[in-house]
Every structure is written in structure tokens, then in C-alpha cells.
C-alpha atoms as a PDB file:
ATOM      1  CA  MET A   1      16.297  -2.774  14.161  1.00  0.00           C
ATOM      2  CA  ARG A   2      14.595  -2.847  10.756  1.00  0.00           C
ATOM      3  CA  LYS A   3      14.375   0.186   8.600  1.00  0.00           C
ATOM      4  CA  ILE A   4      13.155   1.565   5.231  1.00  0.00           C
ATOM      5  CA  LEU A   5      14.951   4.375   3.398  1.00  0.00           C
ATOM      6  CA  VAL A   6      13.111   6.960   1.482  1.00  0.00           C
ATOM      7  CA  PRO A   7      15.061   9.637  -0.499  1.00  0.00           C
ATOM      8  CA  VAL A   8      13.049  12.782  -0.366  1.00  0.00           C
ATOM      9  CA  ASP A   9      13.300  16.076  -2.423  1.00  0.00           C
ATOM     10  CA  PHE A  10       9.835  17.230  -0.994  1.00  0.00           C
ATOM     11  CA  SER A  11       8.171  16.921  -4.310  1.00  0.00           C
ATOM     12  CA  GLU A  12       4.804  15.116  -4.821  1.00  0.00           C
ATOM     13  CA  TYR A  13       6.714  12.118  -6.058  1.00  0.00           C
ATOM     14  CA  SER A  14       8.817  11.719  -2.891  1.00  0.00           C
ATOM     15  CA  GLN A  15       5.692  12.387  -0.870  1.00  0.00           C
ATOM     16  CA  VAL A  16       4.011   9.421  -2.547  1.00  0.00           C
ATOM     17  CA  ALA A  17       7.042   7.224  -1.503  1.00  0.00           C
ATOM     18  CA  VAL A  18       6.761   8.454   2.059  1.00  0.00           C
ATOM     19  CA  GLU A  19       3.063   7.868   2.241  1.00  0.00           C
ATOM     20  CA  TYR A  20       3.486   4.342   0.782  1.00  0.00           C
ATOM     21  CA  ALA A  21       6.310   3.582   3.230  1.00  0.00           C
ATOM     22  CA  CYS A  22       4.298   4.717   6.232  1.00  0.00           C
ATOM     23  CA  GLN A  23       1.353   2.570   5.192  1.00  0.00           C
ATOM     24  CA  ILE A  24       3.743  -0.446   4.809  1.00  0.00           C
ATOM     25  CA  ILE A  25       5.007   0.053   8.329  1.00  0.00           C
ATOM     26  CA  GLU A  26       1.655   0.469   9.820  1.00  0.00           C
ATOM     27  CA  SER A  27       0.375  -2.835   8.080  1.00  0.00           C
ATOM     28  CA  ASN A  28       3.227  -4.901   9.147  1.00  0.00           C
ATOM     29  CA  PRO A  29       3.205  -6.328  12.799  1.00  0.00           C
ATOM     30  CA  GLU A  30       7.050  -6.212  12.648  1.00  0.00           C
ATOM     31  CA  HIS A  31       7.379  -2.447  12.449  1.00  0.00           C
ATOM     32  CA  HIS A  32      10.176  -0.891  10.670  1.00  0.00           C
ATOM     33  CA  GLU A  33      11.612   2.641  11.324  1.00  0.00           C
ATOM     34  CA  LEU A  34      11.776   5.181   8.570  1.00  0.00           C
ATOM     35  CA  ASP A  35      14.814   7.146   7.448  1.00  0.00           C
ATOM     36  CA  LEU A  36      14.151  10.148   5.357  1.00  0.00           C
ATOM     37  CA  ALA A  37      17.276  11.168   3.333  1.00  0.00           C
ATOM     38  CA  HIS A  38      17.599  14.417   1.565  1.00  0.00           C
ATOM     39  CA  VAL A  39      20.710  14.892  -0.744  1.00  0.00           C
ATOM     40  CA  PHE A  40      21.842  18.366  -1.722  1.00  0.00           C
ATOM     41  CA  THR A  41      22.627  17.829  -5.353  1.00  0.00           C
ATOM     42  CA  MET A  42      22.724  21.531  -6.618  1.00  0.00           C
ATOM     43  CA  ARG A  43      24.629  23.337  -3.986  1.00  0.00           C
ATOM     44  CA  SER A  44      26.368  26.505  -5.142  1.00  0.00           C
ATOM     45  CA  ASN A  45      30.163  26.422  -5.132  1.00  0.00           C
ATOM     46  CA  MET A  46      30.056  29.726  -3.131  1.00  0.00           C
ATOM     47  CA  PHE A  47      28.544  27.693  -0.165  1.00  0.00           C
ATOM     48  CA  VAL A  48      30.147  24.351  -0.704  1.00  0.00           C
ATOM     49  CA  ASN A  49      33.580  25.852  -0.637  1.00  0.00           C
ATOM     50  CA  ARG A  50      33.483  27.982   2.663  1.00  0.00           C
ATOM     51  CA  GLU A  51      37.278  28.153   3.421  1.00  0.00           C
ATOM     52  CA  VAL A  52      37.297  31.918   2.626  1.00  0.00           C
ATOM     53  CA  ASN A  53      34.309  32.694   4.821  1.00  0.00           C
ATOM     54  CA  PRO A  54      33.204  29.849   7.196  1.00  0.00           C
ATOM     55  CA  GLU A  55      30.080  31.856   8.147  1.00  0.00           C
ATOM     56  CA  LEU A  56      28.564  31.507   4.731  1.00  0.00           C
ATOM     57  CA  VAL A  57      25.482  29.274   4.806  1.00  0.00           C
ATOM     58  CA  ASP A  58      23.604  27.964   1.806  1.00  0.00           C
ATOM     59  CA  PRO A  59      19.991  29.126   2.129  1.00  0.00           C
ATOM     60  CA  GLN A  60      18.854  25.873   0.614  1.00  0.00           C
ATOM     61  CA  VAL A  61      20.162  24.047   3.834  1.00  0.00           C
ATOM     62  CA  GLU A  62      17.737  25.850   5.997  1.00  0.00           C
ATOM     63  CA  ILE A  63      14.851  25.461   3.467  1.00  0.00           C
ATOM     64  CA  ALA A  64      15.475  21.709   3.399  1.00  0.00           C
ATOM     65  CA  LYS A  65      15.630  21.367   7.200  1.00  0.00           C
ATOM     66  CA  LYS A  66      12.456  23.362   7.608  1.00  0.00           C
ATOM     67  CA  SER A  67      10.698  21.102   4.899  1.00  0.00           C
ATOM     68  CA  MET A  68      11.984  17.983   6.600  1.00  0.00           C
ATOM     69  CA  LYS A  69      10.781  19.062   9.964  1.00  0.00           C
ATOM     70  CA  LYS A  70       7.295  19.869   8.526  1.00  0.00           C
ATOM     71  CA  LEU A  71       7.278  16.496   6.732  1.00  0.00           C
ATOM     72  CA  ILE A  72       8.065  14.573   9.939  1.00  0.00           C
ATOM     73  CA  GLU A  73       5.444  16.516  11.909  1.00  0.00           C
ATOM     74  CA  VAL A  74       2.793  15.494   9.358  1.00  0.00           C
ATOM     75  CA  ILE A  75       3.889  11.862   9.556  1.00  0.00           C
ATOM     76  CA  GLU A  76       3.768  11.921  13.394  1.00  0.00           C
ATOM     77  CA  ILE A  77       0.157  13.174  13.235  1.00  0.00           C
ATOM     78  CA  LYS A  78      -1.008  10.945  10.343  1.00  0.00           C
ATOM     79  CA  TYR A  79       1.037   7.778  11.219  1.00  0.00           C
ATOM     80  CA  PRO A  80       1.718   8.006  14.959  1.00  0.00           C
ATOM     81  CA  THR A  81       3.261   4.559  15.191  1.00  0.00           C
ATOM     82  CA  VAL A  82       5.922   5.386  12.610  1.00  0.00           C
ATOM     83  CA  VAL A  83       9.342   6.361  13.969  1.00  0.00           C
ATOM     84  CA  CYS A  84      11.209   8.813  11.668  1.00  0.00           C
ATOM     85  CA  HIS A  85      14.840   9.836  11.273  1.00  0.00           C
ATOM     86  CA  GLU A  86      16.261  12.482   9.053  1.00  0.00           C
ATOM     87  CA  ILE A  87      19.469  12.221   6.965  1.00  0.00           C
ATOM     88  CA  PHE A  88      21.164  14.976   5.094  1.00  0.00           C
ATOM     89  CA  LYS A  89      23.899  14.468   2.546  1.00  0.00           C
ATOM     90  CA  ASP A  90      25.888  16.554   0.038  1.00  0.00           C
ATOM     91  CA  GLY A  91      26.706  15.102  -3.494  1.00  0.00           C
ATOM     92  CA  ASN A  92      25.345  12.851  -6.220  1.00  0.00           C
ATOM     93  CA  LEU A  93      22.044  11.229  -5.190  1.00  0.00           C
ATOM     94  CA  TYR A  94      22.854   7.649  -6.370  1.00  0.00           C
ATOM     95  CA  GLU A  95      26.327   7.782  -4.749  1.00  0.00           C
ATOM     96  CA  GLU A  96      25.117   9.086  -1.361  1.00  0.00           C
ATOM     97  CA  ILE A  97      22.160   6.662  -1.267  1.00  0.00           C
ATOM     98  CA  SER A  98      24.610   3.863  -2.038  1.00  0.00           C
ATOM     99  CA  LYS A  99      26.793   4.991   0.905  1.00  0.00           C
ATOM    100  CA  VAL A 100      23.790   5.145   3.323  1.00  0.00           C
ATOM    101  CA  THR A 101      22.580   1.770   2.310  1.00  0.00           C
ATOM    102  CA  ALA A 102      26.050   0.298   2.586  1.00  0.00           C
ATOM    103  CA  ALA A 103      26.279   1.458   6.192  1.00  0.00           C
ATOM    104  CA  PHE A 104      22.915  -0.087   7.219  1.00  0.00           C
ATOM    105  CA  ASN A 105      21.031  -3.144   6.046  1.00  0.00           C
ATOM    106  CA  TYR A 106      17.764  -1.565   4.962  1.00  0.00           C
ATOM    107  CA  ASP A 107      14.903  -3.825   3.969  1.00  0.00           C
ATOM    108  CA  ALA A 108      14.170  -1.492   1.092  1.00  0.00           C
ATOM    109  CA  VAL A 109      14.701   1.821  -0.583  1.00  0.00           C
ATOM    110  CA  ILE A 110      11.285   3.231  -1.660  1.00  0.00           C
ATOM    111  CA  MET A 111      11.219   5.937  -4.443  1.00  0.00           C
ATOM    112  CA  GLY A 112       8.408   7.678  -6.086  1.00  0.00           C
ATOM    113  CA  THR A 113       8.003   7.660  -9.891  1.00  0.00           C
ATOM    114  CA  LYS A 114       5.878   9.516 -12.348  1.00  0.00           C
ATOM    115  CA  GLY A 115       4.108   6.407 -13.532  1.00  0.00           C
ATOM    116  CA  SER A 116       3.236   5.848 -17.191  1.00  0.00           C
ATOM    117  CA  SER A 117       4.895   9.177 -18.269  1.00  0.00           C
ATOM    118  CA  GLY A 118       8.274   8.325 -16.903  1.00  0.00           C
ATOM    119  CA  LEU A 119      10.626   9.221 -14.065  1.00  0.00           C
ATOM    120  CA  GLU A 120      10.658  12.926 -13.041  1.00  0.00           C
ATOM    121  CA  SER A 121      13.572  15.286 -13.025  1.00  0.00           C
ATOM    122  CA  VAL A 122      17.183  14.471 -12.160  1.00  0.00           C
ATOM    123  CA  PHE A 123      16.050  13.254  -8.768  1.00  0.00           C
ATOM    124  CA  LEU A 124      13.806  10.487 -10.337  1.00  0.00           C
ATOM    125  CA  GLY A 125      15.611  10.124 -13.662  1.00  0.00           C
ATOM    126  CA  SER A 126      18.888   8.269 -14.441  1.00  0.00           C
ATOM    127  CA  ASN A 127      19.826   8.128 -10.722  1.00  0.00           C
ATOM    128  CA  THR A 128      16.816   6.017  -9.886  1.00  0.00           C
ATOM    129  CA  TYR A 129      17.606   3.705 -12.660  1.00  0.00           C
ATOM    130  CA  ASP A 130      21.162   3.387 -11.444  1.00  0.00           C
ATOM    131  CA  VAL A 131      19.920   2.622  -7.986  1.00  0.00           C
ATOM    132  CA  ILE A 132      17.703  -0.157  -9.346  1.00  0.00           C
ATOM    133  CA  LEU A 133      20.413  -1.721 -11.452  1.00  0.00           C
ATOM    134  CA  ASN A 134      23.406  -1.446  -8.985  1.00  0.00           C
ATOM    135  CA  SER A 135      21.988  -1.134  -5.364  1.00  0.00           C
ATOM    136  CA  LYS A 136      22.645  -3.923  -3.060  1.00  0.00           C
ATOM    137  CA  THR A 137      19.431  -3.003  -1.376  1.00  0.00           C
ATOM    138  CA  PRO A 138      15.997  -3.830  -2.790  1.00  0.00           C
ATOM    139  CA  VAL A 139      14.330  -0.904  -4.478  1.00  0.00           C
ATOM    140  CA  LEU A 140      10.575  -0.394  -4.520  1.00  0.00           C
ATOM    141  CA  ALA A 141       9.443   2.098  -7.197  1.00  0.00           C
ATOM    142  CA  VAL A 142       5.956   3.601  -6.508  1.00  0.00           C
ATOM    143  CA  PRO A 143       4.048   5.435  -9.239  1.00  0.00           C
ATOM    144  CA  LYS A 144       2.699   8.857  -8.390  1.00  0.00           C
ATOM    145  CA  GLU A 145      -0.819   7.641  -9.032  1.00  0.00           C
ATOM    146  CA  ILE A 146      -0.597   4.825  -6.360  1.00  0.00           C
ATOM    147  CA  THR A 147      -1.813   6.393  -3.061  1.00  0.00           C
ATOM    148  CA  VAL A 148      -2.920   3.287  -1.092  1.00  0.00           C
ATOM    149  CA  PHE A 149      -0.666   0.376  -0.224  1.00  0.00           C
ATOM    150  CA  LYS A 150      -2.239  -2.953  -1.370  1.00  0.00           C
ATOM    151  CA  LYS A 151      -0.696  -6.402  -1.367  1.00  0.00           C
ATOM    152  CA  GLU A 152      -3.497  -8.802  -1.976  1.00  0.00           C
ATOM    153  CA  ARG A 153      -1.961 -10.127  -5.206  1.00  0.00           C
ATOM    154  CA  ILE A 154       1.826  -9.946  -5.669  1.00  0.00           C
ATOM    155  CA  GLY A 155       3.388 -11.051  -8.927  1.00  0.00           C
ATOM    156  CA  LEU A 156       6.762 -12.582  -9.437  1.00  0.00           C
ATOM    157  CA  LEU A 157       8.548 -12.866 -12.691  1.00  0.00           C
ATOM    158  CA  CYS A 158       9.324 -16.475 -12.678  1.00  0.00           C
ATOM    159  CA  ASN A 159      12.212 -18.448 -14.479  1.00  0.00           C
ATOM    160  CA  PHE A 160      12.452 -21.305 -11.973  1.00  0.00           C
ATOM    161  CA  LYS A 161      15.740 -20.005 -10.565  1.00  0.00           C
ATOM    162  CA  PRO A 162      17.037 -20.194  -6.930  1.00  0.00           C
ATOM    163  CA  ALA A 163      17.460 -16.422  -6.956  1.00  0.00           C
ATOM    164  CA  GLU A 164      13.696 -16.044  -6.953  1.00  0.00           C
ATOM    165  CA  PHE A 165      13.578 -17.494  -3.444  1.00  0.00           C
ATOM    166  CA  GLU A 166      15.900 -14.662  -2.332  1.00  0.00           C
ATOM    167  CA  ALA A 167      13.655 -12.104  -4.007  1.00  0.00           C
ATOM    168  CA  LEU A 168      10.605 -13.614  -2.144  1.00  0.00           C
ATOM    169  CA  GLU A 169      12.470 -13.549   1.233  1.00  0.00           C
ATOM    170  CA  GLN A 170      13.350  -9.833   0.664  1.00  0.00           C
ATOM    171  CA  ALA A 171       9.758  -8.962  -0.190  1.00  0.00           C
ATOM    172  CA  ILE A 172       8.434 -10.891   2.865  1.00  0.00           C
ATOM    173  CA  ASN A 173      10.991  -8.946   5.059  1.00  0.00           C
ATOM    174  CA  LEU A 174       9.193  -5.800   3.907  1.00  0.00           C
ATOM    175  CA  LEU A 175       5.620  -6.797   3.285  1.00  0.00           C
ATOM    176  CA  GLY A 176       5.005  -9.965   5.331  1.00  0.00           C
ATOM    177  CA  ASN A 177       3.717 -13.138   3.733  1.00  0.00           C
ATOM    178  CA  ASN A 178      -0.013 -12.790   3.867  1.00  0.00           C
ATOM    179  CA  PHE A 179      -0.639 -12.354   0.170  1.00  0.00           C
ATOM    180  CA  GLU A 180      -1.542 -14.357  -2.910  1.00  0.00           C
ATOM    181  CA  LEU A 181       1.624 -14.985  -4.918  1.00  0.00           C
ATOM    182  CA  VAL A 182       1.056 -15.039  -8.689  1.00  0.00           C
ATOM    183  CA  LEU A 183       3.934 -16.519 -10.637  1.00  0.00           C
ATOM    184  CA  ILE A 184       4.469 -15.082 -14.109  1.00  0.00           C
ATOM    185  CA  HIS A 185       6.401 -17.055 -16.570  1.00  0.00           C
ATOM    186  CA  VAL A 186       7.175 -16.046 -20.146  1.00  0.00           C
ATOM    187  CA  ASN A 187       7.587 -19.159 -22.201  1.00  0.00           C
ATOM    188  CA  LYS A 188      10.504 -18.019 -24.316  1.00  0.00           C
ATOM    189  CA  ASN A 189      11.522 -21.623 -25.085  1.00  0.00           C
ATOM    190  CA  ASP A 190       8.095 -22.627 -26.412  1.00  0.00           C
ATOM    191  CA  GLU A 191       7.825 -25.596 -23.896  1.00  0.00           C
ATOM    192  CA  THR A 192       4.528 -27.615 -23.910  1.00  0.00           C
ATOM    193  CA  ILE A 193       1.951 -26.677 -21.263  1.00  0.00           C
ATOM    194  CA  ALA A 194       2.312 -30.216 -19.709  1.00  0.00           C
ATOM    195  CA  VAL A 195       6.042 -29.663 -19.206  1.00  0.00           C
ATOM    196  CA  ILE A 196       5.481 -26.282 -17.738  1.00  0.00           C
ATOM    197  CA  ASP A 197       2.705 -27.396 -15.397  1.00  0.00           C
ATOM    198  CA  GLU A 198       4.983 -30.062 -14.091  1.00  0.00           C
ATOM    199  CA  ARG A 199       7.731 -27.632 -13.411  1.00  0.00           C
ATOM    200  CA  PHE A 200       5.390 -25.267 -11.685  1.00  0.00           C
ATOM    201  CA  GLN A 201       3.974 -27.935  -9.404  1.00  0.00           C
ATOM    202  CA  ALA A 202       7.584 -28.831  -8.185  1.00  0.00           C
ATOM    203  CA  TRP A 203       8.495 -25.147  -7.907  1.00  0.00           C
ATOM    204  CA  ILE A 204       5.445 -24.221  -5.867  1.00  0.00           C
ATOM    205  CA  GLU A 205       6.128 -27.007  -3.422  1.00  0.00           C
ATOM    206  CA  GLN A 206       9.650 -25.559  -2.903  1.00  0.00           C
ATOM    207  CA  ILE A 207       8.295 -22.013  -2.393  1.00  0.00           C
ATOM    208  CA  ILE A 208       5.837 -23.302   0.269  1.00  0.00           C
ATOM    209  CA  ALA A 209       8.625 -25.046   1.978  1.00  0.00           C
ATOM    210  CA  LYS A 210      11.017 -22.052   1.943  1.00  0.00           C
ATOM    211  CA  THR A 211       8.807 -19.090   2.498  1.00  0.00           C
ATOM    212  CA  GLY A 212       5.566 -20.357   4.157  1.00  0.00           C
ATOM    213  CA  ILE A 213       3.422 -18.773   1.440  1.00  0.00           C
ATOM    214  CA  THR A 214       0.660 -21.190   0.529  1.00  0.00           C
ATOM    215  CA  ASN A 215      -1.685 -19.114  -1.636  1.00  0.00           C
ATOM    216  CA  ILE A 216       0.030 -19.431  -4.915  1.00  0.00           C
ATOM    217  CA  SER A 217      -1.090 -19.403  -8.549  1.00  0.00           C
ATOM    218  CA  TYR A 218       0.631 -19.074 -11.852  1.00  0.00           C
ATOM    219  CA  THR A 219       0.176 -17.784 -15.415  1.00  0.00           C
ATOM    220  CA  VAL A 220       2.123 -18.430 -18.551  1.00  0.00           C
ATOM    221  CA  LYS A 221       2.502 -16.141 -21.559  1.00  0.00           C
ATOM    222  CA  SER A 222       3.750 -17.594 -24.776  1.00  0.00           C
ATOM    223  CA  GLN A 223       6.582 -15.478 -26.247  1.00  0.00           C
ATOM    224  CA  VAL A 224       5.581 -16.655 -29.659  1.00  0.00           C
ATOM    225  CA  LEU A 225       2.551 -14.449 -29.435  1.00  0.00           C
ATOM    226  CA  TYR A 226       4.762 -11.490 -28.913  1.00  0.00           C
ATOM    227  CA  ASN A 227       7.243 -12.283 -31.721  1.00  0.00           C
ATOM    228  CA  ARG A 228      10.143 -12.150 -29.307  1.00  0.00           C
ATOM    229  CA  THR A 229      10.580  -8.404 -29.664  1.00  0.00           C
ATOM    230  CA  VAL A 230      11.439  -6.107 -26.678  1.00  0.00           C
ATOM    231  CA  GLU A 231       8.441  -3.911 -27.049  1.00  0.00           C
ATOM    232  CA  ASN A 232       6.043  -6.946 -27.112  1.00  0.00           C
ATOM    233  CA  LEU A 233       7.777  -8.784 -24.347  1.00  0.00           C
ATOM    234  CA  SER A 234       7.320  -5.663 -22.125  1.00  0.00           C
ATOM    235  CA  HIS A 235       3.635  -5.525 -23.273  1.00  0.00           C
ATOM    236  CA  ALA A 236       3.247  -9.209 -22.307  1.00  0.00           C
ATOM    237  CA  ILE A 237       4.293  -8.369 -18.770  1.00  0.00           C
ATOM    238  CA  ASP A 238       2.053  -5.303 -18.694  1.00  0.00           C
ATOM    239  CA  ASN A 239      -0.903  -7.416 -19.934  1.00  0.00           C
ATOM    240  CA  VAL A 240      -0.397  -9.930 -17.146  1.00  0.00           C
ATOM    241  CA  ILE A 241      -0.364  -7.143 -14.542  1.00  0.00           C
ATOM    242  CA  ILE A 242      -3.653  -5.850 -15.799  1.00  0.00           C
ATOM    243  CA  ASP A 243      -5.342  -9.377 -16.431  1.00  0.00           C
ATOM    244  CA  GLU A 244      -4.183 -10.716 -12.983  1.00  0.00           C
ATOM    245  CA  GLN A 245      -4.869  -7.435 -11.090  1.00  0.00           C
ATOM    246  CA  ILE A 246      -1.383  -7.511  -9.626  1.00  0.00           C
ATOM    247  CA  ASP A 247      -0.835  -5.038  -6.820  1.00  0.00           C
ATOM    248  CA  ILE A 248       3.011  -5.236  -6.701  1.00  0.00           C
ATOM    249  CA  LEU A 249       5.419  -6.811  -9.158  1.00  0.00           C
ATOM    250  CA  LEU A 250       8.640  -8.539  -7.915  1.00  0.00           C
ATOM    251  CA  VAL A 251      11.547  -8.509 -10.243  1.00  0.00           C
ATOM    252  CA  THR A 252      14.568 -10.657  -9.433  1.00  0.00           C
ATOM    253  CA  LYS A 253      18.040  -9.307 -10.268  1.00  0.00           C
ATOM    254  CA  SER A 254      20.552 -12.005 -10.928  1.00  0.00           C
ATOM    255  CA  ARG A 255      22.632 -13.176 -13.872  1.00  0.00           C
ATOM    256  CA  LYS A 256      20.514 -16.201 -14.654  1.00  0.00           C
ATOM    257  CA  SER A 257      17.122 -14.744 -13.855  1.00  0.00           C
ATOM    258  CA  ILE A 258      14.613 -13.313 -16.328  1.00  0.00           C
ATOM    259  CA  PHE A 259      15.916  -9.825 -15.132  1.00  0.00           C
ATOM    260  CA  ARG A 260      19.166 -10.422 -16.925  1.00  0.00           C
ATOM    261  CA  LYS A 261      17.171 -10.881 -20.192  1.00  0.00           C
ATOM    262  CA  LEU A 262      15.154  -7.930 -19.344  1.00  0.00           C
ATOM    263  CA  VAL A 263      18.275  -5.888 -18.838  1.00  0.00           C
ATOM    264  CA  GLU A 264      19.740  -7.025 -22.179  1.00  0.00           C
ATOM    265  CA  GLU A 265      16.560  -5.960 -23.893  1.00  0.00           C
ATOM    266  CA  ASN A 266      16.344  -2.618 -21.923  1.00  0.00           C
ATOM    267  CA  ILE A 267      12.969  -3.635 -20.523  1.00  0.00           C
ATOM    268  CA  VAL A 268      14.042  -2.835 -16.881  1.00  0.00           C
ATOM    269  CA  ARG A 269      14.151   0.745 -17.965  1.00  0.00           C
ATOM    270  CA  LYS A 270      10.601   0.458 -19.329  1.00  0.00           C
ATOM    271  CA  LEU A 271       9.487  -1.320 -16.157  1.00  0.00           C
ATOM    272  CA  ALA A 272      10.931   1.353 -14.027  1.00  0.00           C
ATOM    273  CA  TYR A 273       9.829   4.304 -16.122  1.00  0.00           C
ATOM    274  CA  GLU A 274       6.519   3.165 -17.417  1.00  0.00           C
ATOM    275  CA  SER A 275       5.224   1.877 -14.163  1.00  0.00           C
ATOM    276  CA  THR A 276       1.504   1.424 -13.498  1.00  0.00           C
ATOM    277  CA  ILE A 277       1.867  -0.452 -10.204  1.00  0.00           C
ATOM    278  CA  PRO A 278       4.643  -0.545  -7.587  1.00  0.00           C
ATOM    279  CA  LYS A 279       7.606  -2.665  -8.638  1.00  0.00           C
ATOM    280  CA  PHE A 280      10.062  -4.301  -6.165  1.00  0.00           C
ATOM    281  CA  PHE A 281      13.453  -4.830  -7.672  1.00  0.00           C
ATOM    282  CA  ALA A 282      15.184  -7.342  -5.412  1.00  0.00           C
ATOM    283  CA  LYS A 283      18.946  -7.708  -5.187  1.00  0.00           C
ATOM    284  CA  VAL A 284      19.998 -11.384  -4.973  1.00  0.00           C
ATOM    285  CA  HIS A 285      23.217 -13.359  -5.094  1.00  0.00           C
ATOM    286  CA  ALA A 286      22.206 -16.741  -6.530  1.00  0.00           C
ATOM    287  CA  THR A 287      23.441 -17.098 -10.080  1.00  0.00           C
ATOM    288  CA  SER A 288      21.612 -20.108 -11.167  1.00  0.00           C
END
């Protein structure tokens, strides 16, 4: 069984994530099921500690259950092929989502973001960043402004590392492989174009052999143009997204990938918070 997990707080941001997940499921011949998880993060001690009076019931529980039932009813009408399950947990969002994903091998956790203005509230604040950095499950962050699932052109931050194959495989598990792959390379070592072209030709052959994706292009940004500063490297990536009309950006998380450099320069936070397109943060094991 294949599944997608969407944490929901019944806000417009989690609604965006739910809609996006449903559209992914309907577009993919290998249908996933959808788990909707609500975490009670602000329960009153009066109701959490019920030893004195076991009959005490937190009203937030009933409100959440009614909201979940309504949400699932809407999904069943709008996306009749999507099979939904509900999950309720008490505690810290990040910790509870980590436990849920540890118990089942989800293809992705999908979370809504506020887009260019940042992540919203505690639900979409530091907890989402923690999930992106530490989750063993891929995380797809979807800006509030994105209402339609598109995957014509998918970008991959490319540093010619084996971990990138894992990231692609994870993306294919979720999205299928019928898209154009745009490899994005930041030339931080100031290599000549001839050398980079040669590396890309060999790399593309390996991608085709390992993933079956044949529609592949690449673009190179010279880091010299951006003075090797954190802000400008982030801008370089943003410019590529705009110039190449990327629908989803894949970011590989491994020690030797460009992700590590982005983490060190705090750009991952910018990529997550200042998102203009969905970003898929893969979790990989290859270290070189």
C-alpha cells in the first residue's frame, strides 16, 4: 500500500496541501491513499490530565473530529477516487509526525506554506523546518498560492552526487516519471563550460539508465556572478526557477550534496519559508 501523509489544522494552508495531495493521487496511475493527521498541540492541562475526573472531555477534540469529518466528506465528493484515513495525536507536531512516519513508509509528507511571506503560525513555523531537516520521509512544501498541481518541468539542484538518484527515485514514487527534468547546477568552483558540459553528458546518461527519464535539460549558474554570498546564491536559485518555469524543485538532503552547503548558509530556511513553487525535500542516504 502506498500513502501520502498530510498534517492538517483545518487552516487554508493545510487545505492547500490536501488539495495538492488529492490532485497528485488522481494524476498518478499508481494511486496512493491519503492519511490526514491532526495533532492537538494546545490541549488544556485540565483535559489532558483527567485522572481526577475521567469524564472531562476537551471541546477541541469534538471540534477537530467534526472538522475532519467535513473535510473527508468534501474530498469524497470532489476527488471520489481518493481513499482517506484520519489520524489524531496529542503532543508536539514535529515529534508526532515523526512517530507516524516511522511507523509507515510514506512516499511523502505534504505541508502547506504561506509562500513568499513565510510559514504560518506554530503549525507551519519552526516545526515544518524541523520536519524538512530531520524527517526520514520526503517533505513536499506547497505555497498557499499554488492551487493546481503541475509537473511539466521539475528542477533538481544538481551537484553530480549519487544521492541525487535517490532524490529522483523518491520524486518518481510520488509523481511518476512523465516530466521534463531540468538539472540546475551552481558553478561554485568556476569550472569551464566545456568541463561542465562533459560532466552533464555523462550524468544524464546515468540518470536515463537509472530512472527511465529521457526528457532532460540542464542550466548552469556561475556563482561568481553572485559574489558567493548567501543572499545571492538563494537569488540565483530563485532566478533559475523563474527563468526555466520550474513547477516543482527537488532538493537533495545528504552530507555531500548542495543541500549541505545550503544548510550551512541557511538557504534551506529561505527555500522553505520564501517558497514561490512547491519544493520537494528528499531524504537520501548516499554520502558522496
